């Protein structure tokens, strides 16, 4: 997998999580308000984690692994 493919995968996953968050209120009757809060918070945390991973992947490495420098 290339870096661009990985970044695209992260972007698509974040979009899916955001759509999931948007549709949660419609499920409140079946799930209950407390479960909605938990699922929403977990999804937002996951998006934050994906943002961090994405930023780390975009940074230029300071050294190469396996290099003796």
Protein backbone atom coordinates (compact mmCIF):
# COMPACT_ATOMS: atom_id res chain seq x y z
CA UNK A 1 0.00 0.00 0.00
CA UNK A 2 1.32 3.42 -0.90
CA UNK A 3 1.19 6.47 1.34
CA UNK A 4 -1.46 8.05 -0.90
CA UNK A 5 -3.59 4.90 -0.74
CA UNK A 6 -3.28 4.85 3.05
CA UNK A 7 -4.24 8.51 3.32
CA UNK A 8 -7.22 7.93 1.04
CA UNK A 9 -8.30 5.00 3.20
CA UNK A 10 -8.09 7.19 6.32
CA UNK A 11 -10.11 9.93 4.62
CA UNK A 12 -12.81 7.50 3.56
CA UNK A 13 -12.99 5.99 7.05
CA UNK A 14 -13.32 9.46 8.62
CA UNK A 15 -16.14 10.32 6.19
CA UNK A 16 -17.94 7.10 7.13
CA UNK A 17 -17.59 7.89 10.85
CA UNK A 18 -18.87 11.43 10.31
CA UNK A 19 -21.89 10.08 8.41
CA UNK A 20 -22.46 7.58 11.23
CA UNK A 21 -22.44 10.43 13.77
CA UNK A 22 -24.90 12.39 11.63
CA UNK A 23 -27.35 9.48 11.53
CA UNK A 24 -27.14 8.65 15.25
CA UNK A 25 -29.96 10.98 16.31
CA UNK A 26 -32.33 9.06 14.04
CA UNK A 27 -31.55 5.91 16.03
CA UNK A 28 -32.22 7.44 19.46
CA UNK A 29 -35.56 5.70 19.95
CA UNK A 30 -34.03 2.27 19.42
CA UNK A 31 -30.71 2.87 21.17
CA UNK A 32 -31.49 5.35 23.93
CA UNK A 33 -29.84 8.69 24.61
CA UNK A 34 -27.00 7.35 26.75
CA UNK A 35 -25.91 4.89 24.06
CA UNK A 36 -26.09 7.68 21.46
CA UNK A 37 -23.75 9.83 23.59
CA UNK A 38 -21.29 6.96 23.99
CA UNK A 39 -21.29 6.04 20.29
CA UNK A 40 -20.95 9.68 19.30
CA UNK A 41 -18.05 10.29 21.69
CA UNK A 42 -16.28 7.11 20.59
CA UNK A 43 -16.67 8.02 16.93
CA UNK A 44 -15.35 11.55 17.49
CA UNK A 45 -12.36 10.12 19.37
CA UNK A 46 -11.73 7.73 16.47
CA UNK A 47 -11.79 10.66 14.02
CA UNK A 48 -9.30 12.51 16.22
CA UNK A 49 -7.04 9.44 16.27
CA UNK A 50 -7.26 9.17 12.48
CA UNK A 51 -6.35 12.86 12.16
CA UNK A 52 -3.24 12.24 14.27
CA UNK A 53 -2.26 9.22 12.19
CA UNK A 54 -2.80 11.18 8.99
CA UNK A 55 -0.60 14.05 10.21
CA UNK A 56 2.14 11.63 11.25
CA UNK A 57 2.08 9.91 7.87
CA UNK A 58 2.34 13.23 6.04
CA UNK A 59 5.41 14.35 8.00
CA UNK A 60 8.74 13.76 6.35
CA UNK A 61 10.83 11.20 8.25
CA UNK A 62 13.95 12.64 9.88
CA UNK A 63 15.85 9.43 9.25
CA UNK A 64 15.41 6.15 7.48
CA UNK A 65 14.92 2.93 9.38
CA UNK A 66 17.85 0.61 9.01
CA UNK A 67 20.23 3.50 8.44
CA UNK A 68 23.32 3.62 10.61
CA UNK A 69 23.32 7.44 10.72
